[in-house]
């Protein structure tokens, strides 16, 4: 299975119920077959666009941004992230999302590790 990690601002450990809700939310977006769009832009443009960067990561002057758009309103996005890994054109290509670990990454930063089955 494909593996991924995701860092986010949060002050405490997630509860099992919260982990389940996250898995359900992500799997719902996967099933909706949402379009994934890749754009290249300057680091400054990406930050101004609202793209989420990984805490503590240094990025080059030009970056790739992946945006997943809402099917009902393609001006509204579900997610916009800085990323350098392999990608898909639609969320339905991903498979089932399952969180395998949740841990502290830094002060006030949590990390989930997940697989796509």
C-alpha atoms as a PDB file:
ATOM      1  CA  UNK A   1       0.000   0.000   0.000  1.00  0.00           C
ATOM      2  CA  UNK A   2       0.960   3.640  -0.555  1.00  0.00           C
ATOM      3  CA  UNK A   3       2.026   5.496   2.596  1.00  0.00           C
ATOM      4  CA  UNK A   4       1.718   9.133   3.554  1.00  0.00           C
ATOM      5  CA  UNK A   5       2.304  11.485   6.441  1.00  0.00           C
ATOM      6  CA  UNK A   6       0.552  14.714   7.279  1.00  0.00           C
ATOM      7  CA  UNK A   7       1.597  17.295   9.887  1.00  0.00           C
ATOM      8  CA  UNK A   8      -0.957  19.695  11.353  1.00  0.00           C
ATOM      9  CA  UNK A   9      -1.288  22.245  14.164  1.00  0.00           C
ATOM     10  CA  UNK A  10      -3.030  20.677  17.160  1.00  0.00           C
ATOM     11  CA  UNK A  11      -2.241  20.802  20.863  1.00  0.00           C
ATOM     12  CA  UNK A  12      -3.191  17.275  21.966  1.00  0.00           C
ATOM     13  CA  UNK A  13      -3.382  13.641  20.940  1.00  0.00           C
ATOM     14  CA  UNK A  14      -6.377  12.768  18.763  1.00  0.00           C
ATOM     15  CA  UNK A  15      -9.009  10.525  20.331  1.00  0.00           C
ATOM     16  CA  UNK A  16      -9.982   7.235  18.636  1.00  0.00           C
ATOM     17  CA  UNK A  17     -13.327   8.862  17.764  1.00  0.00           C
ATOM     18  CA  UNK A  18     -11.573  11.813  16.088  1.00  0.00           C
ATOM     19  CA  UNK A  19      -9.330   9.451  14.119  1.00  0.00           C
ATOM     20  CA  UNK A  20     -12.405   7.549  12.922  1.00  0.00           C
ATOM     21  CA  UNK A  21     -14.116  10.808  11.859  1.00  0.00           C
ATOM     22  CA  UNK A  22     -11.017  11.895   9.924  1.00  0.00           C
ATOM     23  CA  UNK A  23     -10.850   8.536   8.130  1.00  0.00           C
ATOM     24  CA  UNK A  24     -14.556   8.760   7.265  1.00  0.00           C
ATOM     25  CA  UNK A  25     -14.195  12.352   5.995  1.00  0.00           C
ATOM     26  CA  UNK A  26     -11.174  11.518   3.798  1.00  0.00           C
ATOM     27  CA  UNK A  27     -12.771   8.327   2.440  1.00  0.00           C
ATOM     28  CA  UNK A  28     -15.923  10.306   1.603  1.00  0.00           C
ATOM     29  CA  UNK A  29     -13.822  12.762  -0.456  1.00  0.00           C
ATOM     30  CA  UNK A  30     -12.063   9.839  -2.184  1.00  0.00           C
ATOM     31  CA  UNK A  31     -15.421   8.291  -3.162  1.00  0.00           C
ATOM     32  CA  UNK A  32     -16.649  11.629  -4.571  1.00  0.00           C
ATOM     33  CA  UNK A  33     -14.102  11.383  -7.418  1.00  0.00           C
ATOM     34  CA  UNK A  34     -12.936  14.996  -6.944  1.00  0.00           C
ATOM     35  CA  UNK A  35     -10.508  16.540  -9.420  1.00  0.00           C
ATOM     36  CA  UNK A  36      -6.914  17.091  -8.258  1.00  0.00           C
ATOM     37  CA  UNK A  37      -5.236  20.063  -9.955  1.00  0.00           C
ATOM     38  CA  UNK A  38      -1.465  20.699 -10.000  1.00  0.00           C
ATOM     39  CA  UNK A  39      -0.101  24.231 -10.419  1.00  0.00           C
ATOM     40  CA  UNK A  40       3.422  25.621 -10.318  1.00  0.00           C
ATOM     41  CA  UNK A  41       3.946  29.045  -8.795  1.00  0.00           C
ATOM     42  CA  UNK A  42       6.407  31.052  -6.754  1.00  0.00           C
ATOM     43  CA  UNK A  43       6.676  30.288  -3.067  1.00  0.00           C
ATOM     44  CA  UNK A  44       5.200  33.711  -2.240  1.00  0.00           C
ATOM     45  CA  UNK A  45       2.215  33.190  -4.588  1.00  0.00           C
ATOM     46  CA  UNK A  46       1.579  29.762  -3.057  1.00  0.00           C
ATOM     47  CA  UNK A  47       1.551  31.133   0.482  1.00  0.00           C
ATOM     48  CA  UNK A  48      -0.807  33.955  -0.553  1.00  0.00           C
ATOM     49  CA  UNK A  49      -3.144  31.411  -2.220  1.00  0.00           C
ATOM     50  CA  UNK A  50      -3.780  29.703   1.112  1.00  0.00           C
ATOM     51  CA  UNK A  51      -1.778  26.564   0.333  1.00  0.00           C
ATOM     52  CA  UNK A  52      -0.773  24.625   3.438  1.00  0.00           C
ATOM     53  CA  UNK A  53       2.971  24.088   3.853  1.00  0.00           C
ATOM     54  CA  UNK A  54       4.645  21.451   6.008  1.00  0.00           C
ATOM     55  CA  UNK A  55       5.967  22.875   9.287  1.00  0.00           C
ATOM     56  CA  UNK A  56       9.722  23.505   9.237  1.00  0.00           C
ATOM     57  CA  UNK A  57      10.212  22.501   5.596  1.00  0.00           C
ATOM     58  CA  UNK A  58      12.330  24.703   3.345  1.00  0.00           C
ATOM     59  CA  UNK A  59      10.862  25.066  -0.138  1.00  0.00           C
ATOM     60  CA  UNK A  60      12.470  26.214  -3.402  1.00  0.00           C
ATOM     61  CA  UNK A  61      11.457  29.521  -5.013  1.00  0.00           C
ATOM     62  CA  UNK A  62       9.096  27.649  -7.406  1.00  0.00           C
ATOM     63  CA  UNK A  63       6.772  25.060  -5.893  1.00  0.00           C
ATOM     64  CA  UNK A  64       4.031  22.637  -6.918  1.00  0.00           C
ATOM     65  CA  UNK A  65       0.631  23.114  -5.327  1.00  0.00           C
ATOM     66  CA  UNK A  66      -2.050  20.429  -5.439  1.00  0.00           C
ATOM     67  CA  UNK A  67      -5.645  21.581  -5.064  1.00  0.00           C
ATOM     68  CA  UNK A  68      -8.695  19.351  -4.651  1.00  0.00           C
ATOM     69  CA  UNK A  69     -11.811  21.218  -5.732  1.00  0.00           C
ATOM     70  CA  UNK A  70     -15.375  20.865  -4.488  1.00  0.00           C
ATOM     71  CA  UNK A  71     -17.490  19.255  -7.250  1.00  0.00           C
ATOM     72  CA  UNK A  72     -20.431  21.626  -6.717  1.00  0.00           C
ATOM     73  CA  UNK A  73     -18.325  24.799  -6.777  1.00  0.00           C
ATOM     74  CA  UNK A  74     -14.961  24.565  -8.528  1.00  0.00           C
ATOM     75  CA  UNK A  75     -13.998  27.987  -7.134  1.00  0.00           C
ATOM     76  CA  UNK A  76     -14.079  26.436  -3.639  1.00  0.00           C
ATOM     77  CA  UNK A  77     -11.396  23.973  -2.644  1.00  0.00           C
ATOM     78  CA  UNK A  78     -11.398  21.068  -0.193  1.00  0.00           C
ATOM     79  CA  UNK A  79      -7.614  21.059   0.164  1.00  0.00           C
ATOM     80  CA  UNK A  80      -4.643  23.065  -1.160  1.00  0.00           C
ATOM     81  CA  UNK A  81      -1.197  21.769  -0.231  1.00  0.00           C
ATOM     82  CA  UNK A  82       2.489  22.183  -0.999  1.00  0.00           C
ATOM     83  CA  UNK A  83       3.703  18.756  -2.059  1.00  0.00           C
ATOM     84  CA  UNK A  84       6.504  16.927  -3.829  1.00  0.00           C
ATOM     85  CA  UNK A  85       5.269  13.327  -3.932  1.00  0.00           C
ATOM     86  CA  UNK A  86       3.487  11.258  -6.591  1.00  0.00           C
ATOM     87  CA  UNK A  87      -0.081  12.274  -7.353  1.00  0.00           C
ATOM     88  CA  UNK A  88      -3.362  11.390  -9.014  1.00  0.00           C
ATOM     89  CA  UNK A  89      -5.776  13.239 -11.295  1.00  0.00           C
ATOM     90  CA  UNK A  90      -8.898  12.283  -9.295  1.00  0.00           C
ATOM     91  CA  UNK A  91      -9.430  11.300  -5.668  1.00  0.00           C
ATOM     92  CA  UNK A  92     -11.114   8.034  -6.718  1.00  0.00           C
ATOM     93  CA  UNK A  93      -7.674   6.727  -7.795  1.00  0.00           C
ATOM     94  CA  UNK A  94      -6.455   6.698  -4.185  1.00  0.00           C
ATOM     95  CA  UNK A  95      -8.034   3.645  -2.556  1.00  0.00           C
ATOM     96  CA  UNK A  96      -9.134   3.403   1.073  1.00  0.00           C
ATOM     97  CA  UNK A  97      -7.489   5.780   3.588  1.00  0.00           C
ATOM     98  CA  UNK A  98      -6.503   4.301   6.978  1.00  0.00           C
ATOM     99  CA  UNK A  99      -4.578   6.087   9.759  1.00  0.00           C
ATOM    100  CA  UNK A 100      -1.970   3.739  11.205  1.00  0.00           C
ATOM    101  CA  UNK A 101      -0.272   6.132  13.638  1.00  0.00           C
ATOM    102  CA  UNK A 102      -0.831   9.526  15.268  1.00  0.00           C
ATOM    103  CA  UNK A 103       2.015  11.190  17.158  1.00  0.00           C
ATOM    104  CA  UNK A 104       3.654  14.446  18.193  1.00  0.00           C
ATOM    105  CA  UNK A 105       5.989  15.884  15.557  1.00  0.00           C
ATOM    106  CA  UNK A 106       7.011  19.092  17.396  1.00  0.00           C
ATOM    107  CA  UNK A 107       5.530  21.378  20.030  1.00  0.00           C
ATOM    108  CA  UNK A 108       1.928  22.008  18.993  1.00  0.00           C
ATOM    109  CA  UNK A 109       2.337  19.896  15.833  1.00  0.00           C
ATOM    110  CA  UNK A 110       0.762  16.460  15.425  1.00  0.00           C
ATOM    111  CA  UNK A 111       1.530  13.957  12.671  1.00  0.00           C
ATOM    112  CA  UNK A 112      -0.628  11.236  11.208  1.00  0.00           C
ATOM    113  CA  UNK A 113       0.823   8.365   9.223  1.00  0.00           C
ATOM    114  CA  UNK A 114      -1.612   6.602   6.957  1.00  0.00           C
ATOM    115  CA  UNK A 115      -1.865   4.049   4.185  1.00  0.00           C
ATOM    116  CA  UNK A 116      -3.937   3.941   1.021  1.00  0.00           C
ATOM    117  CA  UNK A 117      -5.129   0.385   0.457  1.00  0.00           C
END
